[in-house]
PDB file of N, CA and C in Angstrom:
ATOM      1  N   MET A   1     -50.850 -45.701 -28.524  1.00  0.00           N
ATOM      2  CA  MET A   1     -51.558 -45.969 -29.670  1.00  0.00           C
ATOM      3  C   MET A   1     -52.881 -45.099 -29.710  1.00  0.00           C
ATOM      4  N   ASN A   2     -53.012 -44.656 -30.861  1.00  0.00           N
ATOM      5  CA  ASN A   2     -54.217 -43.736 -30.943  1.00  0.00           C
ATOM      6  C   ASN A   2     -55.654 -44.440 -30.903  1.00  0.00           C
ATOM      7  N   GLN A   3     -56.647 -43.639 -30.631  1.00  0.00           N
ATOM      8  CA  GLN A   3     -58.097 -44.412 -30.606  1.00  0.00           C
ATOM      9  C   GLN A   3     -58.647 -45.089 -31.752  1.00  0.00           C
ATOM     10  N   GLU A   4     -58.217 -44.606 -33.116  1.00  0.00           N
ATOM     11  CA  GLU A   4     -58.598 -45.306 -34.249  1.00  0.00           C
ATOM     12  C   GLU A   4     -57.813 -46.556 -34.572  1.00  0.00           C
ATOM     13  N   ARG A   5     -56.623 -46.658 -34.140  1.00  0.00           N
ATOM     14  CA  ARG A   5     -55.713 -47.826 -34.284  1.00  0.00           C
ATOM     15  C   ARG A   5     -56.430 -49.086 -33.222  1.00  0.00           C
ATOM     16  N   LEU A   6     -56.879 -48.435 -32.215  1.00  0.00           N
ATOM     17  CA  LEU A   6     -57.269 -49.505 -31.265  1.00  0.00           C
ATOM     18  C   LEU A   6     -58.583 -50.322 -31.860  1.00  0.00           C
ATOM     19  N   TYR A   7     -59.361 -49.626 -32.546  1.00  0.00           N
ATOM     20  CA  TYR A   7     -60.531 -50.307 -33.323  1.00  0.00           C
ATOM     21  C   TYR A   7     -60.182 -51.054 -34.621  1.00  0.00           C
ATOM     22  N   GLN A   8     -58.964 -50.697 -35.108  1.00  0.00           N
ATOM     23  CA  GLN A   8     -58.475 -51.288 -36.236  1.00  0.00           C
ATOM     24  C   GLN A   8     -57.868 -52.637 -35.975  1.00  0.00           C
ATOM     25  N   VAL A   9     -57.238 -52.863 -34.660  1.00  0.00           N
ATOM     26  CA  VAL A   9     -56.571 -54.071 -34.349  1.00  0.00           C
ATOM     27  C   VAL A   9     -57.459 -55.063 -34.024  1.00  0.00           C
ATOM     28  N   LEU A  10     -58.449 -54.906 -33.227  1.00  0.00           N
ATOM     29  CA  LEU A  10     -59.510 -56.005 -33.015  1.00  0.00           C
ATOM     30  C   LEU A  10     -60.586 -55.893 -34.050  1.00  0.00           C
ATOM     31  N   LEU A  11     -60.865 -57.122 -34.923  1.00  0.00           N
ATOM     32  CA  LEU A  11     -61.833 -57.140 -35.683  1.00  0.00           C
ATOM     33  C   LEU A  11     -63.318 -57.818 -35.259  1.00  0.00           C
ATOM     34  N   GLY A  12     -63.055 -58.342 -34.012  1.00  0.00           N
ATOM     35  CA  GLY A  12     -64.166 -58.986 -33.356  1.00  0.00           C
ATOM     36  C   GLY A  12     -63.901 -60.250 -32.570  1.00  0.00           C
ATOM     37  N   PRO A  13     -64.773 -60.815 -32.013  1.00  0.00           N
ATOM     38  CA  PRO A  13     -64.741 -62.059 -31.056  1.00  0.00           C
ATOM     39  C   PRO A  13     -64.767 -63.181 -32.140  1.00  0.00           C
ATOM     40  N   HIS A  14     -63.911 -64.259 -31.810  1.00  0.00           N
ATOM     41  CA  HIS A  14     -64.154 -65.415 -32.794  1.00  0.00           C
ATOM     42  C   HIS A  14     -64.699 -66.432 -32.031  1.00  0.00           C
ATOM     43  N   ILE A  15     -66.068 -66.683 -32.511  1.00  0.00           N
ATOM     44  CA  ILE A  15     -67.089 -67.646 -31.800  1.00  0.00           C
ATOM     45  C   ILE A  15     -67.006 -69.029 -32.416  1.00  0.00           C
ATOM     46  N   SER A  16     -66.337 -69.844 -31.920  1.00  0.00           N
ATOM     47  CA  SER A  16     -66.447 -71.327 -32.437  1.00  0.00           C
ATOM     48  C   SER A  16     -66.518 -72.359 -31.261  1.00  0.00           C
ATOM     49  N   GLU A  17     -66.678 -73.589 -31.481  1.00  0.00           N
ATOM     50  CA  GLU A  17     -66.722 -74.589 -30.353  1.00  0.00           C
ATOM     51  C   GLU A  17     -65.428 -74.600 -29.601  1.00  0.00           C
ATOM     52  N   LYS A  18     -64.349 -74.704 -30.270  1.00  0.00           N
ATOM     53  CA  LYS A  18     -63.105 -74.681 -29.646  1.00  0.00           C
ATOM     54  C   LYS A  18     -63.083 -73.329 -28.727  1.00  0.00           C
ATOM     55  N   ALA A  19     -63.299 -72.194 -29.270  1.00  0.00           N
ATOM     56  CA  ALA A  19     -63.265 -70.955 -28.317  1.00  0.00           C
ATOM     57  C   ALA A  19     -63.862 -70.974 -27.046  1.00  0.00           C
ATOM     58  N   THR A  20     -65.215 -71.599 -27.338  1.00  0.00           N
ATOM     59  CA  THR A  20     -66.202 -71.601 -26.088  1.00  0.00           C
ATOM     60  C   THR A  20     -65.672 -72.462 -25.145  1.00  0.00           C
ATOM     61  N   ILE A  21     -65.029 -73.730 -25.489  1.00  0.00           N
ATOM     62  CA  ILE A  21     -64.455 -74.680 -24.529  1.00  0.00           C
ATOM     63  C   ILE A  21     -63.211 -73.988 -23.860  1.00  0.00           C
ATOM     64  N   ILE A  22     -62.449 -73.203 -24.611  1.00  0.00           N
ATOM     65  CA  ILE A  22     -61.188 -72.677 -24.043  1.00  0.00           C
ATOM     66  C   ILE A  22     -61.645 -71.423 -23.023  1.00  0.00           C
ATOM     67  N   ALA A  23     -62.861 -70.854 -23.280  1.00  0.00           N
ATOM     68  CA  ALA A  23     -63.207 -69.637 -22.497  1.00  0.00           C
ATOM     69  C   ALA A  23     -63.872 -70.220 -21.113  1.00  0.00           C
ATOM     70  N   ASP A  24     -64.560 -71.483 -21.133  1.00  0.00           N
ATOM     71  CA  ASP A  24     -65.100 -71.959 -20.094  1.00  0.00           C
ATOM     72  C   ASP A  24     -63.955 -72.835 -19.185  1.00  0.00           C
ATOM     73  N   ALA A  25     -63.072 -73.301 -19.639  1.00  0.00           N
ATOM     74  CA  ALA A  25     -61.932 -74.026 -19.046  1.00  0.00           C
ATOM     75  C   ALA A  25     -60.863 -73.024 -18.486  1.00  0.00           C
ATOM     76  N   SER A  26     -60.556 -71.982 -19.060  1.00  0.00           N
ATOM     77  CA  SER A  26     -59.615 -70.984 -18.531  1.00  0.00           C
ATOM     78  C   SER A  26     -59.910 -69.611 -18.874  1.00  0.00           C
ATOM     79  N   GLN A  27     -59.240 -68.720 -18.502  1.00  0.00           N
ATOM     80  CA  GLN A  27     -59.497 -67.268 -18.503  1.00  0.00           C
ATOM     81  C   GLN A  27     -59.090 -66.755 -19.950  1.00  0.00           C
ATOM     82  N   GLN A  28     -59.539 -67.488 -20.973  1.00  0.00           N
ATOM     83  CA  GLN A  28     -59.022 -66.827 -22.127  1.00  0.00           C
ATOM     84  C   GLN A  28     -60.151 -66.607 -23.277  1.00  0.00           C
ATOM     85  N   VAL A  29     -59.966 -65.574 -24.134  1.00  0.00           N
ATOM     86  CA  VAL A  29     -60.892 -65.151 -25.067  1.00  0.00           C
ATOM     87  C   VAL A  29     -60.223 -65.135 -26.380  1.00  0.00           C
ATOM     88  N   VAL A  30     -60.932 -65.636 -27.359  1.00  0.00           N
ATOM     89  CA  VAL A  30     -60.247 -65.527 -28.725  1.00  0.00           C
ATOM     90  C   VAL A  30     -60.780 -64.341 -29.618  1.00  0.00           C
ATOM     91  N   PHE A  31     -59.959 -63.553 -30.214  1.00  0.00           N
ATOM     92  CA  PHE A  31     -60.435 -62.571 -30.919  1.00  0.00           C
ATOM     93  C   PHE A  31     -59.805 -62.691 -32.451  1.00  0.00           C
ATOM     94  N   ARG A  32     -60.474 -62.340 -33.514  1.00  0.00           N
ATOM     95  CA  ARG A  32     -60.067 -62.044 -34.886  1.00  0.00           C
ATOM     96  C   ARG A  32     -59.258 -60.670 -34.965  1.00  0.00           C
ATOM     97  N   VAL A  33     -58.000 -60.519 -35.430  1.00  0.00           N
ATOM     98  CA  VAL A  33     -57.302 -59.469 -35.335  1.00  0.00           C
ATOM     99  C   VAL A  33     -56.759 -59.039 -36.666  1.00  0.00           C
ATOM    100  N   ALA A  34     -56.224 -57.845 -36.720  1.00  0.00           N
ATOM    101  CA  ALA A  34     -55.697 -57.424 -38.191  1.00  0.00           C
ATOM    102  C   ALA A  34     -54.419 -58.307 -38.499  1.00  0.00           C
ATOM    103  N   LYS A  35     -54.244 -58.302 -39.816  1.00  0.00           N
ATOM    104  CA  LYS A  35     -53.046 -59.081 -40.119  1.00  0.00           C
ATOM    105  C   LYS A  35     -51.818 -58.568 -39.699  1.00  0.00           C
ATOM    106  N   ASP A  36     -51.588 -57.147 -39.557  1.00  0.00           N
ATOM    107  CA  ASP A  36     -50.483 -56.449 -39.156  1.00  0.00           C
ATOM    108  C   ASP A  36     -50.352 -56.136 -37.812  1.00  0.00           C
ATOM    109  N   ALA A  37     -51.321 -56.783 -36.881  1.00  0.00           N
ATOM    110  CA  ALA A  37     -51.365 -56.381 -35.501  1.00  0.00           C
ATOM    111  C   ALA A  37     -50.336 -57.198 -34.622  1.00  0.00           C
ATOM    112  N   THR A  38     -49.583 -56.436 -33.707  1.00  0.00           N
ATOM    113  CA  THR A  38     -48.562 -57.177 -32.814  1.00  0.00           C
ATOM    114  C   THR A  38     -49.232 -57.690 -31.636  1.00  0.00           C
ATOM    115  N   LYS A  39     -48.466 -58.528 -30.838  1.00  0.00           N
ATOM    116  CA  LYS A  39     -48.977 -58.807 -29.431  1.00  0.00           C
ATOM    117  C   LYS A  39     -49.102 -57.620 -28.512  1.00  0.00           C
ATOM    118  N   PRO A  40     -48.176 -56.713 -28.484  1.00  0.00           N
ATOM    119  CA  PRO A  40     -48.420 -55.357 -27.554  1.00  0.00           C
ATOM    120  C   PRO A  40     -49.544 -54.622 -28.019  1.00  0.00           C
ATOM    121  N   GLU A  41     -49.843 -54.485 -29.412  1.00  0.00           N
ATOM    122  CA  GLU A  41     -50.955 -53.645 -29.753  1.00  0.00           C
ATOM    123  C   GLU A  41     -52.309 -54.561 -29.306  1.00  0.00           C
ATOM    124  N   ILE A  42     -52.431 -55.680 -29.561  1.00  0.00           N
ATOM    125  CA  ILE A  42     -53.390 -56.563 -29.095  1.00  0.00           C
ATOM    126  C   ILE A  42     -53.656 -56.309 -27.603  1.00  0.00           C
ATOM    127  N   LYS A  43     -52.855 -56.538 -26.825  1.00  0.00           N
ATOM    128  CA  LYS A  43     -52.858 -56.446 -25.426  1.00  0.00           C
ATOM    129  C   LYS A  43     -53.322 -55.349 -25.154  1.00  0.00           C
ATOM    130  N   GLU A  44     -52.696 -54.013 -25.616  1.00  0.00           N
ATOM    131  CA  GLU A  44     -53.228 -52.706 -25.145  1.00  0.00           C
ATOM    132  C   GLU A  44     -54.678 -52.437 -25.706  1.00  0.00           C
ATOM    133  N   ALA A  45     -55.130 -52.986 -26.845  1.00  0.00           N
ATOM    134  CA  ALA A  45     -56.349 -52.798 -27.254  1.00  0.00           C
ATOM    135  C   ALA A  45     -57.367 -53.384 -26.429  1.00  0.00           C
ATOM    136  N   VAL A  46     -57.194 -54.716 -26.053  1.00  0.00           N
ATOM    137  CA  VAL A  46     -58.165 -55.333 -25.207  1.00  0.00           C
ATOM    138  C   VAL A  46     -58.147 -54.608 -23.891  1.00  0.00           C
ATOM    139  N   GLU A  47     -57.005 -54.176 -23.247  1.00  0.00           N
ATOM    140  CA  GLU A  47     -57.106 -53.423 -21.860  1.00  0.00           C
ATOM    141  C   GLU A  47     -57.971 -52.365 -21.904  1.00  0.00           C
ATOM    142  N   LYS A  48     -57.692 -51.643 -22.906  1.00  0.00           N
ATOM    143  CA  LYS A  48     -58.413 -50.290 -22.994  1.00  0.00           C
ATOM    144  C   LYS A  48     -59.831 -50.181 -23.373  1.00  0.00           C
ATOM    145  N   LEU A  49     -60.140 -51.006 -24.476  1.00  0.00           N
ATOM    146  CA  LEU A  49     -61.643 -51.270 -24.995  1.00  0.00           C
ATOM    147  C   LEU A  49     -62.525 -51.998 -23.867  1.00  0.00           C
ATOM    148  N   PHE A  50     -61.882 -53.020 -23.140  1.00  0.00           N
ATOM    149  CA  PHE A  50     -62.768 -53.702 -22.356  1.00  0.00           C
ATOM    150  C   PHE A  50     -62.654 -53.555 -20.719  1.00  0.00           C
ATOM    151  N   ASN A  51     -61.481 -52.702 -20.534  1.00  0.00           N
ATOM    152  CA  ASN A  51     -61.071 -52.328 -19.001  1.00  0.00           C
ATOM    153  C   ASN A  51     -60.680 -53.689 -18.075  1.00  0.00           C
ATOM    154  N   VAL A  52     -60.010 -54.444 -18.866  1.00  0.00           N
ATOM    155  CA  VAL A  52     -59.565 -55.537 -18.220  1.00  0.00           C
ATOM    156  C   VAL A  52     -57.993 -55.651 -18.107  1.00  0.00           C
ATOM    157  N   SER A  53     -57.248 -56.526 -17.272  1.00  0.00           N
ATOM    158  CA  SER A  53     -56.002 -56.734 -17.254  1.00  0.00           C
ATOM    159  C   SER A  53     -55.673 -58.197 -18.150  1.00  0.00           C
ATOM    160  N   VAL A  54     -54.640 -57.935 -18.991  1.00  0.00           N
ATOM    161  CA  VAL A  54     -54.160 -59.050 -19.839  1.00  0.00           C
ATOM    162  C   VAL A  54     -53.067 -59.787 -19.368  1.00  0.00           C
ATOM    163  N   LYS A  55     -53.060 -61.039 -19.147  1.00  0.00           N
ATOM    164  CA  LYS A  55     -51.612 -61.542 -18.766  1.00  0.00           C
ATOM    165  C   LYS A  55     -50.741 -61.920 -19.951  1.00  0.00           C
ATOM    166  N   ARG A  56     -51.255 -62.490 -20.816  1.00  0.00           N
ATOM    167  CA  ARG A  56     -50.400 -62.793 -22.097  1.00  0.00           C
ATOM    168  C   ARG A  56     -51.405 -63.024 -23.431  1.00  0.00           C
ATOM    169  N   VAL A  57     -50.660 -62.946 -24.480  1.00  0.00           N
ATOM    170  CA  VAL A  57     -51.405 -63.011 -25.775  1.00  0.00           C
ATOM    171  C   VAL A  57     -50.683 -63.943 -26.472  1.00  0.00           C
ATOM    172  N   ASN A  58     -51.416 -64.875 -27.281  1.00  0.00           N
ATOM    173  CA  ASN A  58     -50.817 -65.891 -28.194  1.00  0.00           C
ATOM    174  C   ASN A  58     -51.522 -65.685 -29.470  1.00  0.00           C
ATOM    175  N   VAL A  59     -50.626 -65.500 -30.643  1.00  0.00           N
ATOM    176  CA  VAL A  59     -51.174 -65.274 -31.940  1.00  0.00           C
ATOM    177  C   VAL A  59     -51.028 -66.232 -32.843  1.00  0.00           C
ATOM    178  N   LEU A  60     -52.068 -66.544 -33.817  1.00  0.00           N
ATOM    179  CA  LEU A  60     -51.720 -67.561 -34.881  1.00  0.00           C
ATOM    180  C   LEU A  60     -52.300 -67.219 -36.156  1.00  0.00           C
ATOM    181  N   ASN A  61     -51.744 -67.518 -37.118  1.00  0.00           N
ATOM    182  CA  ASN A  61     -52.249 -67.173 -38.614  1.00  0.00           C
ATOM    183  C   ASN A  61     -52.831 -68.577 -39.153  1.00  0.00           C
ATOM    184  N   ALA A  62     -54.326 -68.564 -39.217  1.00  0.00           N
ATOM    185  CA  ALA A  62     -54.868 -69.832 -39.930  1.00  0.00           C
ATOM    186  C   ALA A  62     -55.025 -69.461 -41.271  1.00  0.00           C
ATOM    187  N   LYS A  63     -54.585 -70.555 -42.202  1.00  0.00           N
ATOM    188  CA  LYS A  63     -54.559 -70.446 -43.493  1.00  0.00           C
ATOM    189  C   LYS A  63     -56.076 -70.842 -43.934  1.00  0.00           C
ATOM    190  N   GLY A  64     -56.580 -69.991 -44.760  1.00  0.00           N
ATOM    191  CA  GLY A  64     -57.939 -70.514 -45.397  1.00  0.00           C
ATOM    192  C   GLY A  64     -57.927 -71.674 -46.295  1.00  0.00           C
ATOM    193  N   LYS A  65     -58.910 -72.347 -46.025  1.00  0.00           N
ATOM    194  CA  LYS A  65     -59.217 -73.783 -46.762  1.00  0.00           C
ATOM    195  C   LYS A  65     -59.570 -73.461 -48.251  1.00  0.00           C
ATOM    196  N   THR A  66     -59.178 -74.598 -49.029  1.00  0.00           N
ATOM    197  CA  THR A  66     -59.395 -74.418 -50.456  1.00  0.00           C
ATOM    198  C   THR A  66     -60.738 -75.054 -50.453  1.00  0.00           C
ATOM    199  N   LYS A  67     -61.589 -74.728 -51.013  1.00  0.00           N
ATOM    200  CA  LYS A  67     -63.121 -75.434 -51.385  1.00  0.00           C
ATOM    201  C   LYS A  67     -63.475 -75.535 -52.821  1.00  0.00           C
ATOM    202  N   ARG A  68     -64.209 -76.701 -53.097  1.00  0.00           N
ATOM    203  CA  ARG A  68     -64.710 -76.651 -54.628  1.00  0.00           C
ATOM    204  C   ARG A  68     -65.996 -75.868 -54.579  1.00  0.00           C
ATOM    205  N   THR A  69     -66.315 -75.295 -55.746  1.00  0.00           N
ATOM    206  CA  THR A  69     -67.500 -74.547 -56.037  1.00  0.00           C
ATOM    207  C   THR A  69     -67.929 -74.876 -57.348  1.00  0.00           C
ATOM    208  N   ALA A  70     -69.039 -74.481 -57.864  1.00  0.00           N
ATOM    209  CA  ALA A  70     -69.508 -74.610 -58.963  1.00  0.00           C
ATOM    210  C   ALA A  70     -68.590 -74.284 -60.153  1.00  0.00           C
ATOM    211  N   ASN A  71     -67.824 -73.236 -59.874  1.00  0.00           N
ATOM    212  CA  ASN A  71     -66.977 -72.537 -60.759  1.00  0.00           C
ATOM    213  C   ASN A  71     -65.728 -73.180 -60.858  1.00  0.00           C
ATOM    214  N   GLY A  72     -65.467 -74.238 -60.127  1.00  0.00           N
ATOM    215  CA  GLY A  72     -64.097 -74.574 -59.868  1.00  0.00           C
ATOM    216  C   GLY A  72     -63.531 -74.457 -58.495  1.00  0.00           C
ATOM    217  N   LEU A  73     -62.173 -74.227 -58.313  1.00  0.00           N
ATOM    218  CA  LEU A  73     -61.781 -73.977 -56.828  1.00  0.00           C
ATOM    219  C   LEU A  73     -61.769 -72.765 -56.345  1.00  0.00           C
ATOM    220  N   GLY A  74     -62.136 -72.588 -55.058  1.00  0.00           N
ATOM    221  CA  GLY A  74     -62.144 -71.291 -54.463  1.00  0.00           C
ATOM    222  C   GLY A  74     -61.353 -71.348 -53.262  1.00  0.00           C
ATOM    223  N   LYS A  75     -61.045 -70.387 -52.590  1.00  0.00           N
ATOM    224  CA  LYS A  75     -60.234 -70.222 -51.187  1.00  0.00           C
ATOM    225  C   LYS A  75     -60.699 -69.115 -50.361  1.00  0.00           C
ATOM    226  N   ARG A  76     -61.051 -69.904 -49.102  1.00  0.00           N
ATOM    227  CA  ARG A  76     -61.548 -68.772 -48.008  1.00  0.00           C
ATOM    228  C   ARG A  76     -60.231 -67.912 -47.517  1.00  0.00           C
ATOM    229  N   SER A  77     -60.606 -66.828 -46.945  1.00  0.00           N
ATOM    230  CA  SER A  77     -59.858 -65.781 -46.597  1.00  0.00           C
ATOM    231  C   SER A  77     -58.874 -66.463 -45.433  1.00  0.00           C
ATOM    232  N   ASP A  78     -57.486 -66.064 -45.472  1.00  0.00           N
ATOM    233  CA  ASP A  78     -56.812 -66.344 -44.165  1.00  0.00           C
ATOM    234  C   ASP A  78     -57.083 -65.479 -43.145  1.00  0.00           C
ATOM    235  N   VAL A  79     -56.996 -66.000 -41.745  1.00  0.00           N
ATOM    236  CA  VAL A  79     -57.398 -65.399 -40.664  1.00  0.00           C
ATOM    237  C   VAL A  79     -56.356 -65.291 -39.650  1.00  0.00           C
ATOM    238  N   ARG A  80     -56.264 -64.211 -38.926  1.00  0.00           N
ATOM    239  CA  ARG A  80     -55.171 -64.164 -37.656  1.00  0.00           C
ATOM    240  C   ARG A  80     -56.156 -64.157 -36.370  1.00  0.00           C
ATOM    241  N   LYS A  81     -55.613 -64.895 -35.720  1.00  0.00           N
ATOM    242  CA  LYS A  81     -56.436 -65.107 -34.534  1.00  0.00           C
ATOM    243  C   LYS A  81     -55.556 -64.873 -33.144  1.00  0.00           C
ATOM    244  N   ALA A  82     -56.257 -64.184 -32.307  1.00  0.00           N
ATOM    245  CA  ALA A  82     -55.424 -63.733 -30.931  1.00  0.00           C
ATOM    246  C   ALA A  82     -55.926 -64.602 -29.778  1.00  0.00           C
ATOM    247  N   TYR A  83     -55.261 -65.349 -29.074  1.00  0.00           N
ATOM    248  CA  TYR A  83     -55.763 -65.921 -27.816  1.00  0.00           C
ATOM    249  C   TYR A  83     -55.300 -65.144 -26.514  1.00  0.00           C
ATOM    250  N   VAL A  84     -56.370 -64.447 -26.031  1.00  0.00           N
ATOM    251  CA  VAL A  84     -56.038 -63.460 -24.886  1.00  0.00           C
ATOM    252  C   VAL A  84     -56.199 -64.125 -23.610  1.00  0.00           C
ATOM    253  N   CYS A  85     -55.200 -64.292 -22.830  1.00  0.00           N
ATOM    254  CA  CYS A  85     -55.116 -64.881 -21.473  1.00  0.00           C
ATOM    255  C   CYS A  85     -55.574 -63.648 -20.435  1.00  0.00           C
ATOM    256  N   LEU A  86     -56.603 -63.801 -19.932  1.00  0.00           N
ATOM    257  CA  LEU A  86     -57.023 -62.599 -18.934  1.00  0.00           C
ATOM    258  C   LEU A  86     -56.325 -62.888 -17.572  1.00  0.00           C
ATOM    259  N   ALA A  87     -56.028 -61.753 -16.873  1.00  0.00           N
ATOM    260  CA  ALA A  87     -55.822 -61.967 -15.252  1.00  0.00           C
ATOM    261  C   ALA A  87     -56.783 -62.396 -14.482  1.00  0.00           C
ATOM    262  N   ASP A  88     -56.247 -62.847 -13.366  1.00  0.00           N
ATOM    263  CA  ASP A  88     -57.579 -63.496 -12.260  1.00  0.00           C
ATOM    264  C   ASP A  88     -58.377 -62.250 -11.900  1.00  0.00           C
ATOM    265  N   GLY A  89     -59.612 -62.548 -12.064  1.00  0.00           N
ATOM    266  CA  GLY A  89     -60.557 -61.576 -11.549  1.00  0.00           C
ATOM    267  C   GLY A  89     -61.226 -60.860 -12.678  1.00  0.00           C
ATOM    268  N   SER A  90     -60.719 -60.943 -13.958  1.00  0.00           N
ATOM    269  CA  SER A  90     -60.901 -60.146 -15.056  1.00  0.00           C
ATOM    270  C   SER A  90     -61.937 -61.197 -15.764  1.00  0.00           C
ATOM    271  N   GLU A  91     -62.818 -60.503 -16.635  1.00  0.00           N
ATOM    272  CA  GLU A  91     -63.899 -61.177 -17.370  1.00  0.00           C
ATOM    273  C   GLU A  91     -64.378 -60.092 -18.348  1.00  0.00           C
ATOM    274  N   ILE A  92     -64.569 -60.742 -19.555  1.00  0.00           N
ATOM    275  CA  ILE A  92     -65.433 -60.033 -20.717  1.00  0.00           C
ATOM    276  C   ILE A  92     -66.520 -60.449 -20.880  1.00  0.00           C
ATOM    277  N   ASP A  93     -67.628 -59.579 -20.909  1.00  0.00           N
ATOM    278  CA  ASP A  93     -69.132 -60.103 -21.129  1.00  0.00           C
ATOM    279  C   ASP A  93     -69.450 -59.465 -22.581  1.00  0.00           C
ATOM    280  N   PHE A  94     -69.535 -60.387 -23.466  1.00  0.00           N
ATOM    281  CA  PHE A  94     -69.862 -59.936 -24.843  1.00  0.00           C
ATOM    282  C   PHE A  94     -71.578 -59.707 -24.875  1.00  0.00           C
ATOM    283  N   LEU A  95     -72.208 -60.372 -24.017  1.00  0.00           N
ATOM    284  CA  LEU A  95     -73.708 -60.130 -24.180  1.00  0.00           C
ATOM    285  C   LEU A  95     -74.161 -58.964 -23.552  1.00  0.00           C
ATOM    286  N   GLY A  96     -73.429 -58.428 -22.578  1.00  0.00           N
ATOM    287  CA  GLY A  96     -73.930 -57.219 -21.848  1.00  0.00           C
ATOM    288  C   GLY A  96     -74.873 -57.347 -20.792  1.00  0.00           C
ATOM    289  N   GLU A  97     -75.147 -58.667 -20.286  1.00  0.00           N
ATOM    290  CA  GLU A  97     -75.708 -59.109 -19.012  1.00  0.00           C
ATOM    291  C   GLU A  97     -75.412 -58.774 -17.829  1.00  0.00           C
TER     292      GLU A  97
END
């Protein structure tokens, strides 16, 4: 996979209460990924960009919620998330501390 595709696959970390609980309890990190990204692409991108070893990748497509606005109904964007399980001894530090 070329360097440009590596940066297109991972859109960024998904920070939420559930993602934080999962990160503290187990060796997992949650990323927002491109809609056309595959599990092998996600694994390779995380391993090359963060210099860690990945044990497995689980992917889910979260449908956007319908919300009422002043102009009627609106819809939030659909999101594809990847739960990346890191190998023992691997850790990703997003804060750079």
